[in-house]
Structures are given as structure tokens and as C-alpha cells.
Protein backbone atom coordinates (compact mmCIF):
# COMPACT_ATOMS: atom_id res chain seq x y z
CA UNK A 1 54.76 55.73 107.88
CA UNK A 2 53.49 51.90 107.78
CA UNK A 3 55.95 48.94 107.20
CA UNK A 4 55.55 47.89 103.64
CA UNK A 5 55.14 43.84 104.56
CA UNK A 6 53.49 43.97 107.62
CA UNK A 7 51.58 47.27 108.03
CA UNK A 8 52.93 47.88 111.49
CA UNK A 9 54.79 51.46 112.00
CA UNK A 10 57.69 51.83 110.10
CA UNK A 11 61.08 52.90 111.88
CA UNK A 12 62.60 53.89 108.43
CA UNK A 13 62.65 54.93 104.83
CA UNK A 14 65.02 53.99 101.79
CA UNK A 15 64.94 56.95 99.66
CA UNK A 16 66.86 54.63 97.06
CA UNK A 17 64.64 51.68 97.16
CA UNK A 18 61.15 53.60 98.59
CA UNK A 19 60.76 50.84 101.14
CA UNK A 20 59.37 51.39 104.65
CA UNK A 21 60.15 49.47 106.98
CA UNK A 22 59.11 48.15 110.43
CA UNK A 23 61.96 47.19 113.02
CA UNK A 24 61.67 43.61 112.59
CA UNK A 25 61.60 43.98 108.81
CA UNK A 26 64.50 46.56 108.73
CA UNK A 27 66.66 44.33 111.08
CA UNK A 28 66.06 41.46 108.81
CA UNK A 29 67.19 43.48 105.36
CA UNK A 30 70.22 44.29 106.99
CA UNK A 31 71.08 40.71 107.90
CA UNK A 32 70.19 39.26 104.55
CA UNK A 33 72.41 41.84 102.65
CA UNK A 34 75.32 41.06 104.96
CA UNK A 35 74.86 37.39 104.78
CA UNK A 36 73.98 37.96 100.77
CA UNK A 37 77.32 39.42 100.73
CA UNK A 38 79.30 36.88 102.50
CA UNK A 39 77.84 34.46 99.99
CA UNK A 40 78.59 36.60 96.84
CA UNK A 41 82.18 37.14 98.06
CA UNK A 42 82.33 33.70 99.17
CA UNK A 43 83.76 34.02 102.42
CA UNK A 44 82.95 30.26 103.58
CA UNK A 45 85.44 27.93 101.44
CA UNK A 46 83.28 24.98 100.64
CA UNK A 47 86.38 22.70 101.77
CA UNK A 48 85.60 23.76 105.49
CA UNK A 49 84.90 21.45 108.21
CA UNK A 50 84.49 20.99 112.15
CA UNK A 51 88.25 19.36 112.24
CA UNK A 52 89.49 21.93 109.66
CA UNK A 53 88.03 25.25 110.17
CA UNK A 54 87.99 28.85 108.95
CA UNK A 55 89.49 31.48 110.65
CA UNK A 56 88.29 35.24 110.45
CA UNK A 57 89.79 37.64 112.72
CA UNK A 58 87.24 40.62 113.10
CA UNK A 59 88.70 44.10 113.67
CA UNK A 60 86.55 44.84 116.42
CA UNK A 61 87.03 48.86 117.00
CA UNK A 62 83.90 49.31 119.42
CA UNK A 63 82.26 51.60 116.54
CA UNK A 64 78.68 50.94 115.64
CA UNK A 65 80.33 49.15 112.09
CA UNK A 66 82.39 46.86 113.77
CA UNK A 67 79.95 46.20 116.51
CA UNK A 68 77.06 44.98 113.92
CA UNK A 69 79.57 43.14 112.00
CA UNK A 70 80.65 41.28 114.94
CA UNK A 71 76.78 40.71 116.05
CA UNK A 72 75.84 39.90 112.70
CA UNK A 73 79.09 37.31 112.59
CA UNK A 74 78.26 35.91 115.96
CA UNK A 75 74.00 35.53 115.14
CA UNK A 76 75.26 33.90 111.83
CA UNK A 77 78.04 31.72 112.35
CA UNK A 78 78.67 31.82 116.50
CA UNK A 79 77.56 27.64 116.45
CA UNK A 80 78.97 26.98 113.24
CA UNK A 81 81.72 24.30 113.70
CA UNK A 82 83.49 25.33 110.50
CA UNK A 83 83.72 28.93 111.80
CA UNK A 84 86.21 30.06 114.15
CA UNK A 85 86.39 33.85 114.95
CA UNK A 86 88.82 36.22 117.06
CA UNK A 87 87.78 39.98 117.65
CA UNK A 88 90.89 41.90 117.54
CA UNK A 89 90.59 45.57 119.32
CA UNK A 90 93.53 47.91 118.66
CA UNK A 91 93.93 51.10 120.89
CA UNK A 92 95.70 53.75 119.52
CA UNK A 93 96.48 55.72 122.92
CA UNK A 94 93.79 58.63 122.11
CA UNK A 95 92.13 59.54 126.16
CA UNK A 96 88.96 59.05 126.71
CA UNK A 97 87.47 58.05 122.90
CA UNK A 98 89.54 54.92 122.97
CA UNK A 99 88.75 54.02 126.53
CA UNK A 100 85.31 54.03 125.73
CA UNK A 101 85.04 52.30 122.96
CA UNK A 102 87.42 49.26 124.36
CA UNK A 103 84.79 48.84 127.13
CA UNK A 104 82.30 48.66 124.05
CA UNK A 105 84.44 45.89 122.46
CA UNK A 106 84.71 43.96 126.27
CA UNK A 107 80.95 44.07 126.89
CA UNK A 108 80.25 42.50 123.57
CA UNK A 109 83.03 39.79 122.90
CA UNK A 110 81.59 38.85 127.17
CA UNK A 111 77.90 38.64 125.68
CA UNK A 112 78.56 36.82 122.61
CA UNK A 113 81.48 34.93 124.18
CA UNK A 114 83.70 35.53 121.82
CA UNK A 115 87.47 35.41 121.93
CA UNK A 116 88.41 39.01 121.99
CA UNK A 117 92.19 39.86 121.93
CA UNK A 118 93.36 43.94 122.55
CA UNK A 119 96.76 45.17 121.35
CA UNK A 120 97.99 49.13 121.90
CA UNK A 121 100.32 51.37 120.33
CA UNK A 122 102.41 51.88 122.99
CA UNK A 123 103.08 48.03 123.81
CA UNK A 124 103.70 47.34 120.35
CA UNK A 125 105.04 50.90 118.63
CA UNK A 126 105.88 53.06 122.32
CA UNK A 127 103.54 55.82 120.72
CA UNK A 128 100.14 56.84 121.57
CA UNK A 129 98.15 58.75 118.56
CA UNK A 130 97.47 62.19 121.32
CA UNK A 131 101.34 62.48 121.75
CA UNK A 132 101.47 61.75 117.88
CA UNK A 133 98.95 64.44 116.65
CA UNK A 134 100.79 66.82 118.94
CA UNK A 135 103.95 66.71 117.36
CA UNK A 136 103.38 66.04 114.69
CA UNK A 137 106.92 65.73 112.90
CA UNK A 138 105.73 64.78 109.29
CA UNK A 139 103.47 67.69 109.26
CA UNK A 140 100.19 65.59 108.03
CA UNK A 141 96.93 64.59 109.43
CA UNK A 142 96.66 62.45 112.16
CA UNK A 143 94.83 59.64 110.13
CA UNK A 144 97.82 59.00 107.84
CA UNK A 145 99.80 58.08 110.83
CA UNK A 146 97.30 56.26 112.57
CA UNK A 147 96.26 54.58 109.20
CA UNK A 148 99.76 53.30 108.58
CA UNK A 149 99.95 51.88 112.48
CA UNK A 150 96.65 50.35 112.29
CA UNK A 151 96.72 48.52 109.14
CA UNK A 152 100.41 47.51 110.31
CA UNK A 153 98.98 45.68 113.31
CA UNK A 154 95.41 44.65 112.14
CA UNK A 155 97.85 42.43 109.24
CA UNK A 156 100.04 41.24 111.50
CA UNK A 157 98.32 39.91 114.25
CA UNK A 158 95.43 38.12 112.23
CA UNK A 159 98.50 36.59 110.77
CA UNK A 160 99.62 35.52 114.38
CA UNK A 161 96.33 34.55 115.14
CA UNK A 162 96.33 32.17 112.24
CA UNK A 163 93.40 34.26 110.56
CA UNK A 164 92.09 32.51 107.23
CA UNK A 165 90.44 36.42 106.65
CA UNK A 166 90.50 39.65 108.28
CA UNK A 167 86.93 40.98 108.63
CA UNK A 168 86.12 44.76 109.04
CA UNK A 169 83.20 47.04 109.14
CA UNK A 170 83.04 49.31 106.09
CA UNK A 171 80.20 50.05 105.17
CA UNK A 172 78.64 51.27 102.11
CA UNK A 173 79.50 55.27 102.52
CA UNK A 174 83.11 54.22 103.13
CA UNK A 175 83.65 52.39 100.01
CA UNK A 176 81.50 54.56 97.73
CA UNK A 177 83.43 57.12 98.96
CA UNK A 178 86.73 55.46 98.72
CA UNK A 179 85.99 54.92 95.31
CA UNK A 180 85.05 58.36 94.41
CA UNK A 181 88.31 59.31 95.66
CA UNK A 182 90.08 57.19 93.20
CA UNK A 183 88.59 58.41 90.36
CA UNK A 184 88.70 61.93 90.72
CA UNK A 185 92.66 61.49 91.34
CA UNK A 186 92.72 58.82 88.71
CA UNK A 187 94.55 56.29 90.87
CA UNK A 188 93.87 53.68 88.18
CA UNK A 189 96.57 50.99 89.95
CA UNK A 190 94.95 51.73 93.04
CA UNK A 191 91.36 50.85 91.84
CA UNK A 192 93.26 47.28 90.96
CA UNK A 193 95.00 46.85 94.74
CA UNK A 194 91.34 47.61 95.98
CA UNK A 195 89.66 44.77 93.77
CA UNK A 196 92.00 42.71 94.85
CA UNK A 197 92.83 43.57 98.61
CA UNK A 198 89.10 43.37 99.81
CA UNK A 199 86.51 44.18 96.91
CA UNK A 200 86.41 41.26 94.58
CA UNK A 201 84.99 38.17 95.29
CA UNK A 202 88.05 35.51 96.48
CA UNK A 203 87.69 33.19 93.50
CA UNK A 204 88.30 36.24 91.35
CA UNK A 205 91.07 38.05 93.35
CA UNK A 206 94.50 37.45 92.87
CA UNK A 207 95.50 35.04 95.74
CA UNK A 208 98.56 36.57 97.32
CA UNK A 209 100.62 35.18 100.26
CA UNK A 210 102.10 38.35 101.50
CA UNK A 211 98.69 39.25 103.60
CA UNK A 212 95.69 38.05 104.95
CA UNK A 213 93.22 38.45 102.85
CA UNK A 214 90.25 40.91 103.97
CA UNK A 215 86.67 41.23 103.23
CA UNK A 216 84.06 43.86 103.93
CA UNK A 217 80.28 42.19 104.35
CA UNK A 218 78.91 45.74 105.77
CA UNK A 219 79.41 47.45 102.42
CA UNK A 220 76.08 47.13 100.68
CA UNK A 221 74.58 49.05 104.22
CA UNK A 222 74.51 52.43 104.44
CA UNK A 223 76.09 54.11 107.20
CA UNK A 224 72.69 55.71 108.92
CA UNK A 225 71.06 52.47 108.55
CA UNK A 226 74.03 50.75 110.16
CA UNK A 227 74.15 53.24 113.25
CA UNK A 228 70.06 52.83 113.50
CA UNK A 229 70.42 48.65 113.64
CA UNK A 230 72.76 49.04 116.05
CA UNK A 231 70.50 51.19 118.15
CA UNK A 232 67.21 48.77 117.45
CA UNK A 233 69.48 46.20 118.85
CA UNK A 234 70.88 47.92 121.76
CA UNK A 235 74.16 47.35 121.37
CA UNK A 236 76.91 48.50 123.37
CA UNK A 237 78.26 50.57 120.56
CA UNK A 238 80.86 53.88 121.24
CA UNK A 239 78.88 56.51 118.59
CA UNK A 240 81.12 59.27 118.56
CA UNK A 241 83.99 60.65 116.16
CA UNK A 242 87.91 60.53 116.79
CA UNK A 243 88.88 63.41 118.31
CA UNK A 244 91.78 63.44 115.78
CA UNK A 245 89.93 62.89 112.54
CA UNK A 246 90.76 65.23 109.78
CA UNK A 247 91.50 63.89 106.14
CA UNK A 248 90.36 67.06 104.46
CA UNK A 249 89.90 65.37 100.83
CA UNK A 250 87.87 62.60 102.44
CA UNK A 251 85.51 65.38 104.75
CA UNK A 252 84.80 66.95 101.43
CA UNK A 253 83.69 64.07 99.19
CA UNK A 254 81.63 62.81 102.14
CA UNK A 255 79.95 65.78 101.98
CA UNK A 256 80.03 66.18 98.02
CA UNK A 257 78.18 62.20 98.19
CA UNK A 258 75.83 62.94 101.19
CA UNK A 259 74.46 65.83 98.52
CA UNK A 260 74.47 63.95 95.90
CA UNK A 261 72.47 61.12 97.56
CA UNK A 262 69.83 63.29 98.87
CA UNK A 263 68.82 64.20 95.89
CA UNK A 264 69.72 61.79 93.64
CA UNK A 265 68.83 58.67 95.94
CA UNK A 266 70.54 55.45 94.98
CA UNK A 267 74.20 57.11 93.97
CA UNK A 268 75.97 55.34 96.50
CA UNK A 269 75.02 51.95 95.23
CA UNK A 270 75.47 53.07 91.59
CA UNK A 271 78.67 54.41 92.28
CA UNK A 272 79.39 50.94 93.43
CA UNK A 273 78.07 49.20 90.89
CA UNK A 274 80.38 50.71 88.16
CA UNK A 275 83.51 51.31 90.47
CA UNK A 276 83.22 47.50 90.93
CA UNK A 277 83.32 46.53 87.48
CA UNK A 278 86.12 49.18 86.57
CA UNK A 279 88.47 48.01 89.40
CA UNK A 280 87.84 44.45 87.78
CA UNK A 281 88.97 45.66 84.52
CA UNK A 282 91.88 47.65 86.41
CA UNK A 283 93.15 44.60 88.22
CA UNK A 284 93.73 42.21 84.87
CA UNK A 285 95.78 44.81 83.75
CA UNK A 286 97.94 45.39 86.94
CA UNK A 287 98.02 42.55 88.49
CA UNK A 288 101.22 41.92 89.53
CA UNK A 289 102.81 44.85 88.29
CA UNK A 290 103.95 45.53 91.88
CA UNK A 291 104.95 42.62 93.48
CA UNK A 292 107.53 41.31 92.01
CA UNK A 293 109.38 44.57 94.15
CA UNK A 294 108.12 43.52 96.99
CA UNK A 295 110.63 42.59 100.13
CA UNK A 296 111.28 42.29 103.75
CA UNK A 297 111.27 45.49 105.33
CA UNK A 298 115.08 45.28 106.78
CA UNK A 299 113.79 46.40 110.47
CA UNK A 300 110.50 44.78 111.22
CA UNK A 301 110.16 42.21 108.27
CA UNK A 302 106.65 43.06 107.54
CA UNK A 303 106.03 42.70 103.69
CA UNK A 304 107.21 46.60 101.59
CA UNK A 305 108.00 47.32 98.08
CA UNK A 306 111.33 49.86 99.68
CA UNK A 307 114.17 48.75 102.17
CA UNK A 308 112.07 50.62 104.96
CA UNK A 309 108.67 50.05 105.30
CA UNK A 310 106.13 53.21 105.68
CA UNK A 311 105.33 52.17 109.28
CA UNK A 312 109.53 52.09 110.52
CA UNK A 313 110.12 55.46 108.83
CA UNK A 314 106.96 57.19 110.84
CA UNK A 315 108.38 55.73 113.77
CA UNK A 316 111.81 56.94 113.02
CA UNK A 317 110.65 60.50 112.69
CA UNK A 318 108.20 60.10 115.69
CA UNK A 319 110.98 58.95 118.15
CA UNK A 320 113.73 62.12 116.58
CA UNK A 321 110.98 64.64 117.97
């Protein structure tokens, strides 16, 4: 195959667009789409200045998605005095798996000279995910515990570091799977929350002081293209699956999505196009419906709809074993 743009050997074929691209034009295409998403979602505020810069906290796990995101952000804004960036890595306490990915984070941060912070479940909560997965006091998937703890640390440290926005490496496959799960579960309120939390352009979201707003600049890029970009750029990504990964429903959705995309290229893009419009309408209807009941967790002070937040209730259950 030859590149459609220059005639050199192509390294990829995008079934959803029919494009054949060489290494240079493929990497440029990924970067262009990420920068286009940044512009479309309005991540850089008009009033950001060198004297009063915008501060982004990047969730850097060491996997391909977060490494590619951090690399492109540094290439684009590393010398822009209007933007400050801090990479935040969370060590869950998964022996071998997370140790290697932390090494990748450290290597990347040193290479691009970006501020890098590391926090651990063990230091923050007194637990390690290896032990939680083995004991499983709530009889649920390890991802259910880990997701709660990880979100809590990302949000709390983004706020502690003075972050204006928190950026994560969710790709097109991640977002399309979440969208389809919400649709199949009939969870319209969750669609509304999804739009205001991380999906909609910042000017169209409902602003809140409760959480540092999130953004996903990679959400137009298919997972395989993210992996190929990381390989071609020789980035220090740790590409392997977590040994505790066991989200049964998401796994089924992932298989369904891959099959549909294989037989009908462009399915993921179509799902997200329609879902974003539905999510925006849902946000208009349900916006603010739950916010009136938010208060501070009586144990840790984090924002919750109950007296005690989900994180603290899970920690109590784990410590009771």
C-alpha cells in the first residue's frame, strides 16, 4: 500500500475513512485531530496569559493512551507560556504491573522536563489493590474499587495542585463503549452527567465549583491508532493489561464494538456523534437535578450525595476484613 498523500509506503489503513497513510502523515493526522479536539472543546481559555497561565493536570498512568496524550500536549504547549502542565501518576499497589508503568512515567517526564507527581493508594488510604482484589469484601470486581479510589485521588490532587482542568487519555474506543453502555442501560441521567463532566465543549457545560473540570483530547482517536502512534514515536509506554481487570459488561460491549467496527467501519464515530447530541439534550433536562443534595463527606470532606462518600464506605469495608 502507498500513502495517499506522498506515495511512500503506508503504515496504516483507516477503514472508517479509506485513508492509507505513511508514518509521517499518520502521526501528523493523529496530532491534528487531537489539536482540533482541544480547539473544539475550548480547553485554552481566551484570558490565559503568561502572567496568569492555565494549569492542566494530566493523568499519566504510563499506558499508551496517557503517554501519547502527554507527548502531544508537550509538543503543542510545552513552550507556550499561557499553559502550565503537571503529570500526575497514581500507584494502586499492583505488583509488577504498576511498578513498570511508573518507570515509563518517570522516563517520559524526565525526557520532556515536565513536573511529575506520584501518589499511592498505600500512602493515601492504607490499602493495596493486590490485597483488595484478594479479599474482595464487597464481592465485586476489583475495577469497581479501583475506579472509586483512582477518581478520588485524581480529583483531590488536581485541586491541590491548583489545576484548572484535569486531562485524561480516554480514546475513541473507551468513549464509544461508555456511550453504548449508558444507552443499553437506559441511563439518561448518566448521559447528562457525562456531557457536563467531560464530553461537552466547556462553553456548553454547566460550570461547577465542586470538581476540577475534565477533558479528553484523545477521544477522537481509535485505540489501535494510539498504540501505533506510541510505537512509531518510540514512546516509553507500558502496554499490557492490568492483571485485575474484570469489568464483565464493558468486556462484552468491547467485543460487540470491535465486531461492529470490523463489519461496519465508522461505527464508533457514528455512535459518538449521535450520543453527544443525545447527552447534550439530557444535560439540558436533568442539569442540576442532583446538585442540590450534594454535601461534604462527614469523614473525609469530599463532595458526595450521602453523609459518607463511596470511597470512605469502601475503605471501611476493606479494613473490617
